[in-house]
Amino acid sequence: MARLRAEADGCYAWSNGPGDRYAAHSHSYEKILYCTRGSITFVLVAENRSLELRAGDRMVLPEGTSHSATVGPDGCACIEGRGRKMAAT
C-alpha cells in the first residue's frame, strides 16, 4: 500500500472470490492497481486484449479505458487508487 500511496490518491483494498466478474466499464480517472493475492484477468475492450495479473503485478489504466475483469480460480485481492495526474478532477 505504501508503494501505491506514493503514486496515487484515494487508495483502497478489495477482494473477490473465484470466478467473480466485472462487466465492461470505464473510469473518469487514471486507475492504478496492484494485485496482492491470487489472480485477475482484465480485458481491454477496444484492444480486444487480455491482461492477467498475479500477486505483485501492477497495471495502469488510462482514463476512459473500457475494461472487464474475471477473477482467477483462487480469488484475488487488489489495491487501487487514482493516479495523481487525474486525482483533482
N, C-alpha and C. Protein backbone atom coordinates (compact mmCIF):
# COMPACT_ATOMS: atom_id res chain seq x y z
N MET A 1 0.84 -1.19 0.00
CA MET A 1 0.00 0.00 0.00
C MET A 1 0.87 1.25 0.00
N ALA A 2 2.02 1.21 0.68
CA ALA A 2 2.90 2.38 0.70
C ALA A 2 3.36 2.74 -0.71
N ARG A 3 3.68 1.74 -1.51
CA ARG A 3 4.12 2.00 -2.89
C ARG A 3 2.99 2.65 -3.69
N LEU A 4 1.78 2.15 -3.54
CA LEU A 4 0.64 2.72 -4.25
C LEU A 4 0.39 4.15 -3.79
N ARG A 5 0.42 4.39 -2.50
CA ARG A 5 0.17 5.75 -1.99
C ARG A 5 1.19 6.76 -2.47
N ALA A 6 2.37 6.29 -2.85
CA ALA A 6 3.40 7.20 -3.39
C ALA A 6 3.04 7.70 -4.78
N GLU A 7 2.13 7.02 -5.47
CA GLU A 7 1.79 7.41 -6.83
C GLU A 7 0.30 7.66 -7.08
N ALA A 8 -0.53 7.44 -6.06
CA ALA A 8 -1.98 7.55 -6.27
C ALA A 8 -2.67 8.09 -5.03
N ASP A 9 -3.87 8.61 -5.24
CA ASP A 9 -4.73 9.09 -4.15
C ASP A 9 -5.97 8.21 -4.08
N GLY A 10 -6.70 8.33 -2.98
CA GLY A 10 -7.95 7.58 -2.82
C GLY A 10 -7.71 6.07 -2.82
N CYS A 11 -6.63 5.63 -2.24
CA CYS A 11 -6.24 4.21 -2.27
C CYS A 11 -7.13 3.37 -1.35
N TYR A 12 -7.43 2.18 -1.81
CA TYR A 12 -8.21 1.25 -1.00
C TYR A 12 -7.93 -0.18 -1.46
N ALA A 13 -8.30 -1.13 -0.61
CA ALA A 13 -8.12 -2.55 -0.89
C ALA A 13 -9.48 -3.20 -1.14
N TRP A 14 -9.49 -4.24 -1.95
CA TRP A 14 -10.70 -5.01 -2.19
C TRP A 14 -10.31 -6.45 -2.54
N SER A 15 -11.28 -7.34 -2.48
CA SER A 15 -11.03 -8.73 -2.84
C SER A 15 -12.31 -9.34 -3.41
N ASN A 16 -12.13 -10.42 -4.15
CA ASN A 16 -13.25 -11.14 -4.75
C ASN A 16 -12.99 -12.64 -4.72
N GLY A 17 -14.06 -13.40 -4.80
CA GLY A 17 -13.96 -14.84 -4.83
C GLY A 17 -13.69 -15.38 -6.22
N PRO A 18 -13.36 -16.64 -6.31
CA PRO A 18 -13.06 -17.28 -7.59
C PRO A 18 -14.19 -17.10 -8.60
N GLY A 19 -13.82 -16.73 -9.82
CA GLY A 19 -14.79 -16.63 -10.91
C GLY A 19 -15.66 -15.39 -10.91
N ASP A 20 -15.55 -14.53 -9.90
CA ASP A 20 -16.34 -13.29 -9.92
C ASP A 20 -16.00 -12.49 -11.17
N ARG A 21 -16.98 -11.75 -11.66
CA ARG A 21 -16.80 -10.99 -12.92
C ARG A 21 -17.25 -9.55 -12.76
N TYR A 22 -16.58 -8.70 -13.51
CA TYR A 22 -16.98 -7.30 -13.63
C TYR A 22 -17.32 -7.06 -15.10
N ALA A 23 -18.50 -6.53 -15.36
CA ALA A 23 -18.91 -6.21 -16.73
C ALA A 23 -18.06 -5.04 -17.24
N ALA A 24 -18.06 -4.86 -18.54
CA ALA A 24 -17.29 -3.77 -19.16
C ALA A 24 -17.72 -2.43 -18.59
N HIS A 25 -16.73 -1.62 -18.24
CA HIS A 25 -16.98 -0.28 -17.70
C HIS A 25 -15.69 0.52 -17.86
N SER A 26 -15.75 1.80 -17.56
CA SER A 26 -14.57 2.66 -17.60
C SER A 26 -14.61 3.62 -16.42
N HIS A 27 -13.52 4.34 -16.23
CA HIS A 27 -13.42 5.30 -15.14
C HIS A 27 -13.03 6.66 -15.69
N SER A 28 -13.41 7.71 -15.00
CA SER A 28 -13.10 9.08 -15.43
C SER A 28 -11.75 9.53 -14.88
N TYR A 29 -10.93 8.59 -14.50
CA TYR A 29 -9.60 8.88 -13.93
C TYR A 29 -8.65 7.76 -14.30
N GLU A 30 -7.37 8.04 -14.18
CA GLU A 30 -6.35 7.01 -14.38
C GLU A 30 -6.39 6.07 -13.17
N LYS A 31 -6.54 4.79 -13.42
CA LYS A 31 -6.63 3.78 -12.36
C LYS A 31 -5.29 3.05 -12.25
N ILE A 32 -4.73 3.03 -11.05
CA ILE A 32 -3.50 2.29 -10.79
C ILE A 32 -3.86 1.16 -9.84
N LEU A 33 -3.52 -0.06 -10.22
CA LEU A 33 -3.95 -1.24 -9.47
C LEU A 33 -2.78 -2.21 -9.29
N TYR A 34 -2.66 -2.74 -8.10
CA TYR A 34 -1.71 -3.81 -7.80
C TYR A 34 -2.50 -5.03 -7.37
N CYS A 35 -2.17 -6.19 -7.91
CA CYS A 35 -2.73 -7.46 -7.44
C CYS A 35 -1.84 -7.92 -6.29
N THR A 36 -2.43 -8.18 -5.13
CA THR A 36 -1.63 -8.57 -3.97
C THR A 36 -1.78 -10.04 -3.60
N ARG A 37 -2.81 -10.69 -4.13
CA ARG A 37 -3.02 -12.12 -3.87
C ARG A 37 -3.88 -12.71 -4.97
N GLY A 38 -3.60 -13.94 -5.36
CA GLY A 38 -4.41 -14.62 -6.37
C GLY A 38 -4.16 -14.07 -7.75
N SER A 39 -5.22 -14.02 -8.55
CA SER A 39 -5.09 -13.52 -9.93
C SER A 39 -6.41 -12.95 -10.41
N ILE A 40 -6.30 -12.09 -11.41
CA ILE A 40 -7.47 -11.49 -12.05
C ILE A 40 -7.08 -11.16 -13.48
N THR A 41 -7.98 -11.42 -14.42
CA THR A 41 -7.72 -11.14 -15.83
C THR A 41 -8.61 -10.00 -16.28
N PHE A 42 -7.99 -8.96 -16.79
CA PHE A 42 -8.69 -7.81 -17.34
C PHE A 42 -8.74 -7.94 -18.85
N VAL A 43 -9.85 -7.54 -19.45
CA VAL A 43 -9.97 -7.48 -20.90
C VAL A 43 -10.10 -6.01 -21.27
N LEU A 44 -9.16 -5.53 -22.07
CA LEU A 44 -9.21 -4.16 -22.57
C LEU A 44 -10.06 -4.20 -23.83
N VAL A 45 -11.28 -3.69 -23.72
CA VAL A 45 -12.32 -3.89 -24.73
C VAL A 45 -11.89 -3.37 -26.10
N ALA A 46 -11.45 -2.14 -26.20
CA ALA A 46 -11.12 -1.55 -27.51
C ALA A 46 -9.97 -2.28 -28.19
N GLU A 47 -9.06 -2.81 -27.38
CA GLU A 47 -7.90 -3.52 -27.93
C GLU A 47 -8.16 -5.01 -28.09
N ASN A 48 -9.29 -5.49 -27.55
CA ASN A 48 -9.61 -6.92 -27.55
C ASN A 48 -8.39 -7.72 -27.06
N ARG A 49 -7.85 -7.26 -25.92
CA ARG A 49 -6.62 -7.85 -25.38
C ARG A 49 -6.84 -8.19 -23.91
N SER A 50 -6.35 -9.36 -23.51
CA SER A 50 -6.43 -9.79 -22.12
C SER A 50 -5.11 -9.52 -21.41
N LEU A 51 -5.22 -9.20 -20.13
CA LEU A 51 -4.05 -8.94 -19.30
C LEU A 51 -4.28 -9.63 -17.97
N GLU A 52 -3.51 -10.71 -17.72
CA GLU A 52 -3.65 -11.43 -16.46
C GLU A 52 -2.68 -10.86 -15.43
N LEU A 53 -3.21 -10.52 -14.27
CA LEU A 53 -2.39 -10.03 -13.17
C LEU A 53 -2.34 -11.08 -12.08
N ARG A 54 -1.15 -11.28 -11.54
CA ARG A 54 -0.93 -12.18 -10.41
C ARG A 54 -0.31 -11.36 -9.28
N ALA A 55 -0.22 -11.96 -8.12
CA ALA A 55 0.34 -11.26 -6.95
C ALA A 55 1.65 -10.59 -7.31
N GLY A 56 1.74 -9.28 -7.03
CA GLY A 56 2.93 -8.49 -7.30
C GLY A 56 2.86 -7.70 -8.59
N ASP A 57 1.89 -7.99 -9.46
CA ASP A 57 1.77 -7.27 -10.73
C ASP A 57 1.06 -5.93 -10.54
N ARG A 58 1.41 -4.99 -11.42
CA ARG A 58 0.86 -3.63 -11.40
C ARG A 58 0.26 -3.33 -12.76
N MET A 59 -0.85 -2.58 -12.77
CA MET A 59 -1.49 -2.17 -14.00
C MET A 59 -1.90 -0.71 -13.90
N VAL A 60 -1.75 0.01 -14.99
CA VAL A 60 -2.22 1.39 -15.08
C VAL A 60 -3.21 1.45 -16.24
N LEU A 61 -4.44 1.86 -15.94
CA LEU A 61 -5.46 2.05 -16.98
C LEU A 61 -5.68 3.54 -17.18
N PRO A 62 -5.43 4.03 -18.39
CA PRO A 62 -5.70 5.44 -18.64
C PRO A 62 -7.19 5.76 -18.48
N GLU A 63 -7.46 7.00 -18.20
CA GLU A 63 -8.84 7.49 -18.09
C GLU A 63 -9.65 7.06 -19.30
N GLY A 64 -10.86 6.57 -19.06
CA GLY A 64 -11.78 6.23 -20.15
C GLY A 64 -11.54 4.88 -20.80
N THR A 65 -10.60 4.09 -20.33
CA THR A 65 -10.32 2.78 -20.93
C THR A 65 -11.41 1.78 -20.53
N SER A 66 -12.16 1.30 -21.51
CA SER A 66 -13.22 0.32 -21.23
C SER A 66 -12.56 -1.03 -20.95
N HIS A 67 -12.98 -1.65 -19.85
CA HIS A 67 -12.40 -2.93 -19.45
C HIS A 67 -13.41 -3.76 -18.67
N SER A 68 -13.23 -5.06 -18.73
CA SER A 68 -13.98 -6.00 -17.91
C SER A 68 -12.95 -6.85 -17.17
N ALA A 69 -13.40 -7.68 -16.24
CA ALA A 69 -12.45 -8.49 -15.49
C ALA A 69 -13.11 -9.77 -14.99
N THR A 70 -12.29 -10.81 -14.88
CA THR A 70 -12.70 -12.09 -14.31
C THR A 70 -11.65 -12.52 -13.30
N VAL A 71 -12.09 -12.84 -12.10
CA VAL A 71 -11.20 -13.26 -11.02
C VAL A 71 -10.77 -14.71 -11.27
N GLY A 72 -9.52 -15.00 -10.95
CA GLY A 72 -8.95 -16.33 -11.15
C GLY A 72 -9.50 -17.38 -10.20
N PRO A 73 -9.05 -18.62 -10.35
CA PRO A 73 -9.60 -19.75 -9.60
C PRO A 73 -9.34 -19.73 -8.10
N ASP A 74 -8.38 -18.94 -7.65
CA ASP A 74 -8.09 -18.85 -6.21
C ASP A 74 -8.56 -17.54 -5.60
N GLY A 75 -9.39 -16.78 -6.34
CA GLY A 75 -9.81 -15.47 -5.88
C GLY A 75 -8.70 -14.46 -6.09
N CYS A 76 -8.92 -13.24 -5.60
CA CYS A 76 -7.89 -12.21 -5.73
C CYS A 76 -8.08 -11.16 -4.64
N ALA A 77 -7.00 -10.46 -4.38
CA ALA A 77 -7.03 -9.26 -3.54
C ALA A 77 -6.21 -8.22 -4.28
N CYS A 78 -6.70 -7.00 -4.29
CA CYS A 78 -6.03 -5.93 -5.01
C CYS A 78 -6.08 -4.64 -4.19
N ILE A 79 -5.18 -3.75 -4.52
CA ILE A 79 -5.24 -2.38 -4.01
C ILE A 79 -5.24 -1.47 -5.22
N GLU A 80 -5.96 -0.36 -5.12
CA GLU A 80 -6.00 0.56 -6.26
C GLU A 80 -6.22 1.98 -5.79
N GLY A 81 -5.94 2.90 -6.70
CA GLY A 81 -6.13 4.31 -6.44
C GLY A 81 -6.17 5.09 -7.74
N ARG A 82 -6.41 6.39 -7.61
CA ARG A 82 -6.47 7.29 -8.77
C ARG A 82 -5.10 7.92 -8.97
N GLY A 83 -4.57 7.77 -10.17
CA GLY A 83 -3.29 8.38 -10.48
C GLY A 83 -3.32 9.87 -10.17
N ARG A 84 -2.25 10.39 -9.67
CA ARG A 84 -2.21 11.79 -9.21
C ARG A 84 -2.53 12.79 -10.31
N LYS A 85 -2.17 12.50 -11.53
CA LYS A 85 -2.45 13.48 -12.58
C LYS A 85 -3.93 13.68 -12.80
N MET A 86 -4.77 12.72 -12.36
CA MET A 86 -6.21 12.83 -12.53
C MET A 86 -6.94 13.00 -11.20
N ALA A 87 -6.25 12.92 -10.08
CA ALA A 87 -6.90 12.89 -8.78
C ALA A 87 -7.70 14.14 -8.46
N ALA A 88 -7.34 15.28 -8.99
CA ALA A 88 -8.01 16.53 -8.65
C ALA A 88 -9.31 16.71 -9.42
N THR A 89 -9.58 15.89 -10.42
CA THR A 89 -10.79 16.06 -11.22
C THR A 89 -11.89 15.13 -10.80
